[in-house]
């Protein structure tokens, strides 16, 4: 008689773990988005950094184009 209770208890436990996992993924996504927005605000406080970021990103993009051409 204890067997059906254990099976249903296991199913409930599994479902709760899956719900917790989904909640944590959602929370991490929200935290990541908030962090990106905060960093973007900080960067916008210093417009001169846009030129630095452009020059740093340009060589990386050209390296990718060279690798794709091979």
Protein backbone atom coordinates (compact mmCIF):
# COMPACT_ATOMS: atom_id res chain seq x y z
CA UNK A 1 0.00 0.00 0.00
CA UNK A 2 2.87 2.39 0.59
CA UNK A 3 4.04 2.03 -2.98
CA UNK A 4 1.46 4.30 -4.74
CA UNK A 5 2.11 7.04 -2.18
CA UNK A 6 5.86 6.83 -2.78
CA UNK A 7 5.38 7.02 -6.55
CA UNK A 8 3.09 10.03 -6.32
CA UNK A 9 5.43 11.65 -3.81
CA UNK A 10 8.33 11.09 -6.20
CA UNK A 11 6.37 12.64 -9.07
CA UNK A 12 5.55 15.68 -6.93
CA UNK A 13 9.16 16.00 -5.88
CA UNK A 14 10.36 15.77 -9.50
CA UNK A 15 7.80 18.36 -10.64
CA UNK A 16 8.84 20.75 -7.87
CA UNK A 17 12.50 20.34 -8.77
CA UNK A 18 11.72 21.13 -12.40
CA UNK A 19 9.69 24.20 -11.37
CA UNK A 20 12.54 25.35 -9.12
CA UNK A 21 15.00 24.88 -11.96
CA UNK A 22 12.83 26.95 -14.32
CA UNK A 23 12.45 29.67 -11.70
CA UNK A 24 16.22 29.81 -11.15
CA UNK A 25 16.88 30.03 -14.91
CA UNK A 26 14.35 32.84 -15.17
CA UNK A 27 15.89 34.64 -12.19
CA UNK A 28 19.40 34.31 -13.64
CA UNK A 29 18.16 35.70 -16.96
CA UNK A 30 16.61 38.69 -15.17
CA UNK A 31 19.79 39.30 -13.16
CA UNK A 32 21.89 39.03 -16.32
CA UNK A 33 19.66 41.53 -18.10
CA UNK A 34 19.82 43.94 -15.14
CA UNK A 35 23.61 43.65 -15.08
CA UNK A 36 23.85 44.38 -18.81
CA UNK A 37 21.59 47.41 -18.44
CA UNK A 38 23.66 48.69 -15.51
CA UNK A 39 26.89 48.28 -17.47
CA UNK A 40 25.35 49.98 -20.49
CA UNK A 41 24.34 52.92 -18.31
CA UNK A 42 27.86 53.17 -16.95
CA UNK A 43 29.30 53.11 -20.46
CA UNK A 44 26.84 55.79 -21.56
CA UNK A 45 28.15 57.99 -18.75
CA UNK A 46 31.50 58.09 -20.61
CA UNK A 47 30.85 58.70 -24.34
CA UNK A 48 34.59 58.79 -25.06
CA UNK A 49 34.68 55.06 -24.32
CA UNK A 50 32.61 54.38 -27.45
CA UNK A 51 35.65 55.17 -29.59
CA UNK A 52 37.83 52.83 -27.51
CA UNK A 53 35.24 50.04 -27.74
CA UNK A 54 35.00 50.55 -31.50
CA UNK A 55 38.75 50.23 -31.98
CA UNK A 56 38.92 47.17 -29.74
CA UNK A 57 36.04 45.46 -31.54
CA UNK A 58 37.28 46.23 -35.06
CA UNK A 59 40.38 43.97 -34.97
CA UNK A 60 38.34 41.06 -33.55
CA UNK A 61 35.79 41.39 -36.36
CA UNK A 62 38.51 41.47 -39.02
CA UNK A 63 40.11 38.33 -37.52
CA UNK A 64 36.77 36.53 -37.77
CA UNK A 65 36.41 37.55 -41.42
CA UNK A 66 39.89 36.21 -42.18
CA UNK A 67 39.10 32.89 -40.48
CA UNK A 68 35.86 32.54 -42.42
CA UNK A 69 37.65 33.20 -45.71
CA UNK A 70 40.01 30.26 -45.16
